[in-house]
Amino acid sequence: MDDHVRLRPVAEEDLPFVERLRTDPDLCGPFLWDGWRDPRRFRRRWEQDGWLGEETATLMVDGGPGGDGPLGLVSYRRMHTAGPVWCWSIGISLMPAARGRGAGTRAQRLLVEYLFAYTLAHRIQAETDVDNIAEQRALEKAGFTREGVLRGYAFFGGRYHDEVLYSILREELLKDPREDGA
């Protein structure tokens, strides 16, 4: 499956898919469901900037010519670090049928390649729940390095959760992630 994965901007006809993926607790999965919210917020954001803003953006993960259609979403947002320095923080949400088949690893790697090719960022990071082992493996396969645990970083399901912080630097993009045994 991962050979057919591609990223593309969100189109208006994708909005019902996005709304279902982000508002149905069964589709979100245990790590992304954050309660009932206004599903129209997705359309309003798309009408504002097509989800391609300067500070935050969302792209479709698509099955490409293989015909699998929409598989999920990847997003990125600017995180200010110190002084004038900033980095991107990325996230992903896949349909249950697309999980565990390499699509997440491929989509995140494509997003990293895109962001380093078209922005001045030196660092891209991702945070994931300490219990989300599948996402941790996907990030490592995509070339990310585990940096540590952010205690009490996220809130969902009535409690605070620890998150694992991963990053990749611009110069690491050229390095083959399999060289480290990932």
N, C-alpha and C. Protein backbone atom coordinates (compact mmCIF):
# COMPACT_ATOMS: atom_id res chain seq x y z
N MET A 1 0.81 -1.20 0.00
CA MET A 1 0.00 0.00 0.00
C MET A 1 0.85 1.25 0.00
N ASP A 2 1.96 1.27 0.72
CA ASP A 2 2.69 2.51 0.91
C ASP A 2 3.28 3.05 -0.39
N ASP A 3 3.44 2.22 -1.42
CA ASP A 3 3.95 2.70 -2.70
C ASP A 3 2.98 3.65 -3.39
N HIS A 4 1.70 3.53 -3.07
CA HIS A 4 0.67 4.34 -3.72
C HIS A 4 0.29 5.58 -2.93
N VAL A 5 0.80 5.71 -1.73
CA VAL A 5 0.43 6.84 -0.88
C VAL A 5 0.97 8.14 -1.45
N ARG A 6 0.11 9.14 -1.46
CA ARG A 6 0.53 10.47 -1.88
C ARG A 6 -0.20 11.50 -1.02
N LEU A 7 0.33 12.70 -0.99
CA LEU A 7 -0.29 13.81 -0.27
C LEU A 7 -0.84 14.79 -1.28
N ARG A 8 -1.93 15.43 -0.92
CA ARG A 8 -2.53 16.45 -1.78
C ARG A 8 -3.34 17.41 -0.93
N PRO A 9 -3.61 18.61 -1.46
CA PRO A 9 -4.46 19.54 -0.70
C PRO A 9 -5.87 18.97 -0.51
N VAL A 10 -6.53 19.42 0.54
CA VAL A 10 -7.91 19.04 0.80
C VAL A 10 -8.80 19.76 -0.20
N ALA A 11 -9.66 19.00 -0.88
CA ALA A 11 -10.63 19.56 -1.82
C ALA A 11 -12.00 19.65 -1.13
N GLU A 12 -12.86 20.46 -1.67
CA GLU A 12 -14.19 20.62 -1.06
C GLU A 12 -14.92 19.29 -0.96
N GLU A 13 -14.78 18.43 -1.95
CA GLU A 13 -15.47 17.13 -1.90
C GLU A 13 -14.89 16.19 -0.83
N ASP A 14 -13.74 16.54 -0.26
CA ASP A 14 -13.15 15.75 0.83
C ASP A 14 -13.75 16.08 2.19
N LEU A 15 -14.46 17.18 2.30
CA LEU A 15 -14.93 17.65 3.61
C LEU A 15 -15.81 16.64 4.34
N PRO A 16 -16.76 15.94 3.69
CA PRO A 16 -17.53 14.93 4.43
C PRO A 16 -16.63 13.81 5.00
N PHE A 17 -15.60 13.41 4.24
CA PHE A 17 -14.65 12.41 4.74
C PHE A 17 -13.91 12.94 5.97
N VAL A 18 -13.44 14.17 5.88
CA VAL A 18 -12.69 14.78 6.99
C VAL A 18 -13.59 14.87 8.23
N GLU A 19 -14.81 15.32 8.04
CA GLU A 19 -15.73 15.45 9.17
C GLU A 19 -15.97 14.10 9.84
N ARG A 20 -16.16 13.04 9.04
CA ARG A 20 -16.36 11.71 9.61
C ARG A 20 -15.12 11.24 10.36
N LEU A 21 -13.96 11.40 9.75
CA LEU A 21 -12.71 10.92 10.35
C LEU A 21 -12.42 11.63 11.67
N ARG A 22 -12.71 12.92 11.75
CA ARG A 22 -12.34 13.69 12.94
C ARG A 22 -13.45 13.79 13.99
N THR A 23 -14.68 13.33 13.67
CA THR A 23 -15.76 13.46 14.66
C THR A 23 -16.33 12.12 15.11
N ASP A 24 -16.00 11.04 14.46
CA ASP A 24 -16.51 9.72 14.84
C ASP A 24 -15.48 9.06 15.76
N PRO A 25 -15.84 8.81 17.03
CA PRO A 25 -14.85 8.24 17.95
C PRO A 25 -14.30 6.89 17.51
N ASP A 26 -15.10 6.11 16.78
CA ASP A 26 -14.62 4.82 16.29
C ASP A 26 -13.57 4.98 15.19
N LEU A 27 -13.69 6.03 14.40
CA LEU A 27 -12.71 6.27 13.34
C LEU A 27 -11.47 6.98 13.87
N CYS A 28 -11.65 7.89 14.82
CA CYS A 28 -10.51 8.63 15.39
C CYS A 28 -9.54 7.69 16.09
N GLY A 29 -10.07 6.72 16.77
CA GLY A 29 -9.24 5.84 17.57
C GLY A 29 -9.00 6.42 18.95
N PRO A 30 -8.39 5.64 19.82
CA PRO A 30 -8.28 6.05 21.23
C PRO A 30 -7.32 7.21 21.49
N PHE A 31 -6.46 7.55 20.53
CA PHE A 31 -5.46 8.58 20.79
C PHE A 31 -5.83 9.95 20.23
N LEU A 32 -6.86 10.02 19.40
CA LEU A 32 -7.22 11.31 18.80
C LEU A 32 -8.62 11.80 19.17
N TRP A 33 -9.46 10.95 19.71
CA TRP A 33 -10.81 11.38 20.06
C TRP A 33 -10.73 12.36 21.22
N ASP A 34 -11.20 13.58 20.99
CA ASP A 34 -11.14 14.60 22.04
C ASP A 34 -12.51 15.19 22.35
N GLY A 35 -13.56 14.42 22.09
CA GLY A 35 -14.90 14.84 22.44
C GLY A 35 -15.67 15.42 21.26
N TRP A 36 -16.94 15.63 21.49
CA TRP A 36 -17.81 16.17 20.44
C TRP A 36 -17.50 17.65 20.24
N ARG A 37 -17.35 18.03 19.00
CA ARG A 37 -17.09 19.43 18.65
C ARG A 37 -17.89 19.76 17.39
N ASP A 38 -17.94 21.01 17.05
CA ASP A 38 -18.69 21.47 15.89
C ASP A 38 -18.07 20.93 14.61
N PRO A 39 -18.74 20.03 13.88
CA PRO A 39 -18.15 19.49 12.66
C PRO A 39 -18.05 20.52 11.53
N ARG A 40 -18.81 21.60 11.62
CA ARG A 40 -18.74 22.64 10.59
C ARG A 40 -17.44 23.43 10.64
N ARG A 41 -16.68 23.27 11.71
CA ARG A 41 -15.41 24.00 11.83
C ARG A 41 -14.46 23.61 10.70
N PHE A 42 -14.59 22.40 10.21
CA PHE A 42 -13.72 21.96 9.12
C PHE A 42 -14.04 22.72 7.82
N ARG A 43 -15.32 22.86 7.52
CA ARG A 43 -15.73 23.61 6.33
C ARG A 43 -15.33 25.08 6.45
N ARG A 44 -15.56 25.66 7.63
CA ARG A 44 -15.20 27.08 7.82
C ARG A 44 -13.70 27.29 7.60
N ARG A 45 -12.90 26.40 8.12
CA ARG A 45 -11.45 26.52 7.94
C ARG A 45 -11.08 26.36 6.47
N TRP A 46 -11.70 25.39 5.79
CA TRP A 46 -11.41 25.17 4.37
C TRP A 46 -11.79 26.41 3.56
N GLU A 47 -12.93 27.02 3.87
CA GLU A 47 -13.36 28.22 3.15
C GLU A 47 -12.42 29.39 3.42
N GLN A 48 -11.80 29.41 4.58
CA GLN A 48 -10.89 30.49 4.94
C GLN A 48 -9.60 30.44 4.11
N ASP A 49 -8.97 29.27 4.04
CA ASP A 49 -7.67 29.20 3.36
C ASP A 49 -7.37 27.85 2.69
N GLY A 50 -8.40 27.02 2.52
CA GLY A 50 -8.17 25.72 1.91
C GLY A 50 -7.28 24.82 2.76
N TRP A 51 -7.17 25.15 4.03
CA TRP A 51 -6.34 24.43 5.00
C TRP A 51 -4.86 24.49 4.64
N LEU A 52 -4.46 25.56 4.00
CA LEU A 52 -3.06 25.76 3.64
C LEU A 52 -2.57 27.10 4.19
N GLY A 53 -2.67 27.28 5.49
CA GLY A 53 -2.27 28.53 6.12
C GLY A 53 -0.77 28.62 6.34
N GLU A 54 -0.33 29.79 6.73
CA GLU A 54 1.09 30.02 7.00
C GLU A 54 1.55 29.36 8.30
N GLU A 55 0.66 29.27 9.29
CA GLU A 55 1.01 28.74 10.61
C GLU A 55 0.59 27.29 10.81
N THR A 56 -0.42 26.85 10.09
CA THR A 56 -0.94 25.49 10.21
C THR A 56 -1.58 25.07 8.90
N ALA A 57 -1.46 23.80 8.57
CA ALA A 57 -2.02 23.30 7.32
C ALA A 57 -2.37 21.82 7.47
N THR A 58 -3.26 21.36 6.61
CA THR A 58 -3.68 19.96 6.59
C THR A 58 -3.70 19.50 5.15
N LEU A 59 -3.21 18.29 4.92
CA LEU A 59 -3.20 17.67 3.60
C LEU A 59 -3.89 16.31 3.67
N MET A 60 -4.47 15.90 2.56
CA MET A 60 -5.07 14.57 2.47
C MET A 60 -3.98 13.54 2.25
N VAL A 61 -4.13 12.39 2.89
CA VAL A 61 -3.34 11.20 2.58
C VAL A 61 -4.22 10.38 1.66
N ASP A 62 -3.74 10.15 0.45
CA ASP A 62 -4.56 9.54 -0.59
C ASP A 62 -3.89 8.25 -1.07
N GLY A 63 -4.71 7.27 -1.43
CA GLY A 63 -4.20 6.00 -1.95
C GLY A 63 -3.64 6.11 -3.35
N GLY A 64 -3.81 7.26 -3.98
CA GLY A 64 -3.20 7.50 -5.27
C GLY A 64 -3.76 6.63 -6.38
N PRO A 65 -2.94 6.35 -7.40
CA PRO A 65 -3.40 5.61 -8.57
C PRO A 65 -3.88 4.19 -8.24
N GLY A 66 -3.51 3.67 -7.07
CA GLY A 66 -3.95 2.34 -6.67
C GLY A 66 -5.44 2.27 -6.41
N GLY A 67 -6.10 3.42 -6.33
CA GLY A 67 -7.54 3.45 -6.19
C GLY A 67 -8.07 3.30 -4.78
N ASP A 68 -7.21 3.39 -3.77
CA ASP A 68 -7.68 3.26 -2.40
C ASP A 68 -8.41 4.50 -1.91
N GLY A 69 -8.31 5.60 -2.66
CA GLY A 69 -9.00 6.82 -2.27
C GLY A 69 -8.42 7.45 -1.01
N PRO A 70 -9.20 8.30 -0.34
CA PRO A 70 -8.71 8.98 0.86
C PRO A 70 -8.42 7.98 1.98
N LEU A 71 -7.23 8.11 2.56
CA LEU A 71 -6.81 7.24 3.65
C LEU A 71 -6.79 7.97 4.99
N GLY A 72 -6.64 9.29 4.94
CA GLY A 72 -6.56 10.06 6.18
C GLY A 72 -6.03 11.46 5.93
N LEU A 73 -5.44 12.03 6.98
CA LEU A 73 -4.94 13.40 6.96
C LEU A 73 -3.58 13.47 7.61
N VAL A 74 -2.76 14.39 7.14
CA VAL A 74 -1.56 14.80 7.86
C VAL A 74 -1.67 16.30 8.06
N SER A 75 -1.09 16.78 9.14
CA SER A 75 -1.15 18.21 9.41
C SER A 75 0.19 18.68 9.94
N TYR A 76 0.39 19.98 9.85
CA TYR A 76 1.58 20.57 10.45
C TYR A 76 1.24 21.95 10.96
N ARG A 77 1.91 22.31 12.06
CA ARG A 77 1.72 23.63 12.65
C ARG A 77 3.05 24.16 13.12
N ARG A 78 3.19 25.46 13.03
CA ARG A 78 4.42 26.12 13.43
C ARG A 78 4.50 26.16 14.95
N MET A 79 5.66 25.75 15.48
CA MET A 79 5.92 25.79 16.92
C MET A 79 7.10 26.73 17.13
N HIS A 80 6.91 27.78 17.89
CA HIS A 80 8.01 28.70 18.19
C HIS A 80 8.84 28.10 19.30
N THR A 81 10.15 28.08 19.13
CA THR A 81 11.03 27.44 20.09
C THR A 81 11.77 28.49 20.92
N ALA A 82 12.81 29.11 20.40
CA ALA A 82 13.57 30.12 21.15
C ALA A 82 13.96 31.25 20.21
N GLY A 83 13.73 32.45 20.65
CA GLY A 83 14.07 33.61 19.82
C GLY A 83 13.33 33.54 18.50
N PRO A 84 14.04 33.74 17.39
CA PRO A 84 13.37 33.70 16.09
C PRO A 84 13.22 32.28 15.54
N VAL A 85 13.65 31.29 16.27
CA VAL A 85 13.67 29.91 15.78
C VAL A 85 12.29 29.27 15.94
N TRP A 86 11.92 28.48 14.95
CA TRP A 86 10.66 27.75 14.98
C TRP A 86 10.87 26.40 14.31
N CYS A 87 9.91 25.51 14.52
CA CYS A 87 9.92 24.21 13.85
C CYS A 87 8.49 23.84 13.51
N TRP A 88 8.33 22.79 12.75
CA TRP A 88 7.00 22.26 12.47
C TRP A 88 6.71 21.12 13.43
N SER A 89 5.49 21.02 13.88
CA SER A 89 5.00 19.86 14.61
C SER A 89 3.96 19.19 13.71
N ILE A 90 4.14 17.90 13.46
CA ILE A 90 3.25 17.22 12.53
C ILE A 90 2.36 16.22 13.26
N GLY A 91 1.24 15.89 12.62
CA GLY A 91 0.33 14.89 13.14
C GLY A 91 -0.32 14.13 12.01
N ILE A 92 -0.93 13.01 12.34
CA ILE A 92 -1.57 12.17 11.34
C ILE A 92 -2.82 11.53 11.92
N SER A 93 -3.80 11.33 11.07
CA SER A 93 -5.02 10.61 11.42
C SER A 93 -5.39 9.75 10.22
N LEU A 94 -5.42 8.45 10.41
CA LEU A 94 -5.74 7.52 9.32
C LEU A 94 -7.02 6.76 9.61
N MET A 95 -7.72 6.40 8.56
CA MET A 95 -8.87 5.52 8.69
C MET A 95 -8.38 4.17 9.24
N PRO A 96 -9.21 3.48 10.01
CA PRO A 96 -8.78 2.20 10.58
C PRO A 96 -8.26 1.21 9.54
N ALA A 97 -8.87 1.15 8.37
CA ALA A 97 -8.43 0.19 7.34
C ALA A 97 -7.05 0.51 6.79
N ALA A 98 -6.58 1.75 6.95
CA ALA A 98 -5.26 2.14 6.42
C ALA A 98 -4.15 1.96 7.45
N ARG A 99 -4.51 1.69 8.69
CA ARG A 99 -3.50 1.57 9.75
C ARG A 99 -2.79 0.22 9.68
N GLY A 100 -1.51 0.23 10.05
CA GLY A 100 -0.74 -1.01 10.11
C GLY A 100 -0.32 -1.55 8.76
N ARG A 101 -0.42 -0.74 7.72
CA ARG A 101 -0.07 -1.18 6.37
C ARG A 101 1.02 -0.34 5.73
N GLY A 102 1.68 0.51 6.52
CA GLY A 102 2.77 1.32 6.01
C GLY A 102 2.37 2.70 5.50
N ALA A 103 1.08 2.97 5.42
CA ALA A 103 0.62 4.26 4.89
C ALA A 103 1.04 5.41 5.79
N GLY A 104 0.98 5.22 7.10
CA GLY A 104 1.35 6.29 8.04
C GLY A 104 2.81 6.65 7.95
N THR A 105 3.66 5.63 7.89
CA THR A 105 5.10 5.88 7.75
C THR A 105 5.37 6.64 6.46
N ARG A 106 4.80 6.17 5.36
CA ARG A 106 5.03 6.80 4.06
C ARG A 106 4.49 8.24 4.03
N ALA A 107 3.30 8.44 4.56
CA ALA A 107 2.70 9.79 4.54
C ALA A 107 3.54 10.77 5.36
N GLN A 108 4.01 10.33 6.52
CA GLN A 108 4.82 11.22 7.35
C GLN A 108 6.17 11.50 6.71
N ARG A 109 6.75 10.51 6.05
CA ARG A 109 8.01 10.74 5.35
C ARG A 109 7.80 11.72 4.19
N LEU A 110 6.70 11.57 3.44
CA LEU A 110 6.41 12.51 2.36
C LEU A 110 6.21 13.93 2.89
N LEU A 111 5.55 14.04 4.04
CA LEU A 111 5.35 15.36 4.63
C LEU A 111 6.67 15.98 5.05
N VAL A 112 7.56 15.20 5.65
CA VAL A 112 8.89 15.70 6.02
C VAL A 112 9.63 16.18 4.78
N GLU A 113 9.64 15.38 3.73
CA GLU A 113 10.32 15.76 2.50
C GLU A 113 9.75 17.06 1.94
N TYR A 114 8.44 17.18 1.95
CA TYR A 114 7.78 18.39 1.45
C TYR A 114 8.18 19.61 2.29
N LEU A 115 8.09 19.50 3.61
CA LEU A 115 8.37 20.65 4.47
C LEU A 115 9.83 21.10 4.38
N PHE A 116 10.75 20.16 4.29
CA PHE A 116 12.16 20.55 4.15
C PHE A 116 12.45 21.10 2.75
N ALA A 117 11.71 20.69 1.75
CA ALA A 117 11.93 21.20 0.39
C ALA A 117 11.34 22.59 0.18
N TYR A 118 10.25 22.92 0.89
CA TYR A 118 9.53 24.15 0.58
C TYR A 118 9.43 25.14 1.73
N THR A 119 10.06 24.85 2.87
CA THR A 119 10.09 25.82 3.97
C THR A 119 11.51 25.89 4.52
N LEU A 120 11.77 26.89 5.33
CA LEU A 120 13.11 27.08 5.90
C LEU A 120 13.32 26.32 7.21
N ALA A 121 12.37 25.52 7.61
CA ALA A 121 12.48 24.81 8.89
C ALA A 121 13.73 23.93 8.92
N HIS A 122 14.35 23.88 10.09
CA HIS A 122 15.51 23.03 10.32
C HIS A 122 15.11 21.77 11.08
N ARG A 123 13.96 21.84 11.78
CA ARG A 123 13.51 20.74 12.65
C ARG A 123 12.03 20.49 12.42
N ILE A 124 11.65 19.22 12.43
CA ILE A 124 10.25 18.80 12.41
C ILE A 124 10.09 17.85 13.58
N GLN A 125 9.01 18.05 14.34
CA GLN A 125 8.80 17.18 15.48
C GLN A 125 7.40 16.60 15.44
N ALA A 126 7.20 15.57 16.24
CA ALA A 126 5.89 14.94 16.39
C ALA A 126 5.77 14.46 17.82
N GLU A 127 4.58 14.57 18.35
CA GLU A 127 4.29 14.08 19.69
C GLU A 127 3.24 12.99 19.57
N THR A 128 3.38 11.92 20.34
CA THR A 128 2.39 10.86 20.33
C THR A 128 2.25 10.26 21.72
N ASP A 129 1.08 9.73 22.02
CA ASP A 129 0.81 9.15 23.32
C ASP A 129 1.80 8.03 23.62
N VAL A 130 2.22 7.92 24.87
CA VAL A 130 3.20 6.88 25.24
C VAL A 130 2.67 5.48 24.96
N ASP A 131 1.36 5.32 24.91
CA ASP A 131 0.79 4.00 24.63
C ASP A 131 0.58 3.74 23.15
N ASN A 132 0.82 4.73 22.30
CA ASN A 132 0.61 4.57 20.86
C ASN A 132 1.88 3.99 20.23
N ILE A 133 2.11 2.74 20.45
CA ILE A 133 3.32 2.06 19.99
C ILE A 133 3.39 2.02 18.46
N ALA A 134 2.25 1.83 17.80
CA ALA A 134 2.25 1.79 16.33
C ALA A 134 2.75 3.10 15.75
N GLU A 135 2.30 4.23 16.30
CA GLU A 135 2.75 5.53 15.78
C GLU A 135 4.22 5.76 16.10
N GLN A 136 4.68 5.31 17.25
CA GLN A 136 6.09 5.45 17.58
C GLN A 136 6.94 4.68 16.56
N ARG A 137 6.53 3.48 16.22
CA ARG A 137 7.26 2.70 15.21
C ARG A 137 7.23 3.39 13.85
N ALA A 138 6.06 3.93 13.47
CA ALA A 138 5.94 4.61 12.18
C ALA A 138 6.88 5.81 12.12
N LEU A 139 6.95 6.59 13.18
CA LEU A 139 7.84 7.75 13.20
C LEU A 139 9.30 7.32 13.08
N GLU A 140 9.68 6.29 13.81
CA GLU A 140 11.06 5.81 13.74
C GLU A 140 11.39 5.31 12.33
N LYS A 141 10.47 4.59 11.70
CA LYS A 141 10.69 4.12 10.33
C LYS A 141 10.78 5.28 9.34
N ALA A 142 10.10 6.38 9.67
CA ALA A 142 10.14 7.57 8.80
C ALA A 142 11.39 8.40 9.03
N GLY A 143 12.26 7.99 9.97
CA GLY A 143 13.52 8.68 10.19
C GLY A 143 13.58 9.56 11.42
N PHE A 144 12.53 9.59 12.23
CA PHE A 144 12.50 10.41 13.43
C PHE A 144 13.29 9.75 14.56
N THR A 145 13.81 10.60 15.47
CA THR A 145 14.54 10.16 16.65
C THR A 145 13.70 10.44 17.89
N ARG A 146 13.60 9.46 18.75
CA ARG A 146 12.89 9.64 20.02
C ARG A 146 13.74 10.53 20.93
N GLU A 147 13.14 11.60 21.44
CA GLU A 147 13.87 12.54 22.30
C GLU A 147 13.55 12.37 23.77
N GLY A 148 12.34 12.00 24.11
CA GLY A 148 11.98 11.87 25.51
C GLY A 148 10.49 11.90 25.72
N VAL A 149 10.10 11.92 26.98
CA VAL A 149 8.69 11.90 27.36
C VAL A 149 8.29 13.26 27.91
N LEU A 150 7.16 13.77 27.43
CA LEU A 150 6.58 15.01 27.92
C LEU A 150 5.47 14.62 28.89
N ARG A 151 5.71 14.81 30.16
CA ARG A 151 4.77 14.36 31.17
C ARG A 151 3.53 15.25 31.22
N GLY A 152 2.35 14.60 31.28
CA GLY A 152 1.09 15.33 31.40
C GLY A 152 0.85 16.32 30.27
N TYR A 153 1.24 16.00 29.07
CA TYR A 153 1.25 16.93 27.94
C TYR A 153 -0.11 17.06 27.25
N ALA A 154 -0.91 16.00 27.25
CA ALA A 154 -2.18 16.01 26.53
C ALA A 154 -3.32 15.66 27.48
N PHE A 155 -4.52 16.15 27.14
CA PHE A 155 -5.69 15.82 27.95
C PHE A 155 -6.77 15.27 27.03
N PHE A 156 -7.21 14.05 27.30
CA PHE A 156 -8.36 13.46 26.65
C PHE A 156 -8.83 12.28 27.48
N GLY A 157 -10.09 11.91 27.29
CA GLY A 157 -10.63 10.79 28.04
C GLY A 157 -10.67 11.03 29.54
N GLY A 158 -10.75 12.29 29.96
CA GLY A 158 -10.88 12.60 31.37
C GLY A 158 -9.60 12.61 32.18
N ARG A 159 -8.44 12.50 31.49
CA ARG A 159 -7.18 12.53 32.25
C ARG A 159 -6.05 13.06 31.37
N TYR A 160 -4.97 13.44 32.06
CA TYR A 160 -3.76 13.89 31.37
C TYR A 160 -2.94 12.69 30.95
N HIS A 161 -2.30 12.81 29.79
CA HIS A 161 -1.51 11.72 29.22
C HIS A 161 -0.09 12.20 28.96
N ASP A 162 0.85 11.30 29.14
CA ASP A 162 2.23 11.56 28.74
C ASP A 162 2.36 11.34 27.23
N GLU A 163 3.23 12.13 26.62
CA GLU A 163 3.48 12.02 25.19
C GLU A 163 4.97 11.79 24.96
N VAL A 164 5.28 11.08 23.89
CA VAL A 164 6.67 10.88 23.49
C VAL A 164 6.98 11.90 22.41
N LEU A 165 8.11 12.57 22.54
CA LEU A 165 8.54 13.58 21.57
C LEU A 165 9.55 12.97 20.61
N TYR A 166 9.31 13.15 19.32
CA TYR A 166 10.20 12.70 18.25
C TYR A 166 10.59 13.90 17.41
N SER A 167 11.76 13.81 16.76
CA SER A 167 12.16 14.89 15.84
C SER A 167 13.03 14.33 14.73
N ILE A 168 13.11 15.13 13.67
CA ILE A 168 14.04 14.88 12.58
C ILE A 168 14.58 16.24 12.16
N LEU A 169 15.88 16.31 11.90
CA LEU A 169 16.53 17.54 11.47
C LEU A 169 16.77 17.51 9.97
N ARG A 170 16.89 18.68 9.40
CA ARG A 170 17.06 18.80 7.95
C ARG A 170 18.18 17.90 7.42
N GLU A 171 19.34 17.91 8.09
CA GLU A 171 20.47 17.11 7.57
C GLU A 171 20.22 15.61 7.69
N GLU A 172 19.30 15.22 8.53
CA GLU A 172 18.98 13.79 8.68
C GLU A 172 18.08 13.28 7.56
N LEU A 173 17.45 14.18 6.85
CA LEU A 173 16.56 13.76 5.76
C LEU A 173 17.31 12.96 4.71
N LEU A 174 18.56 13.33 4.46
CA LEU A 174 19.35 12.65 3.44
C LEU A 174 19.82 11.28 3.89
N LYS A 175 19.77 11.05 5.19
CA LYS A 175 20.21 9.78 5.75
C LYS A 175 19.11 8.74 5.60
N ASP A 176 19.46 7.54 5.19
CA ASP A 176 18.50 6.45 5.03
C ASP A 176 18.10 5.96 6.42
N PRO A 177 16.80 5.99 6.79
CA PRO A 177 16.39 5.57 8.14
C PRO A 177 16.73 4.10 8.43
N ARG A 178 16.93 3.30 7.40
CA ARG A 178 17.26 1.87 7.62
C ARG A 178 18.70 1.70 8.08
N GLU A 179 19.53 2.72 7.95
CA GLU A 179 20.93 2.61 8.38
C GLU A 179 21.05 2.39 9.88
N ASP A 180 20.03 2.85 10.63
CA ASP A 180 20.06 2.69 12.09
C ASP A 180 19.32 1.42 12.53
N GLY A 181 18.95 0.59 11.59
CA GLY A 181 18.26 -0.64 11.94
C GLY A 181 16.77 -0.44 12.16
N ALA A 182 16.24 0.72 11.76
CA ALA A 182 14.80 0.98 11.95
C ALA A 182 13.98 0.21 10.94
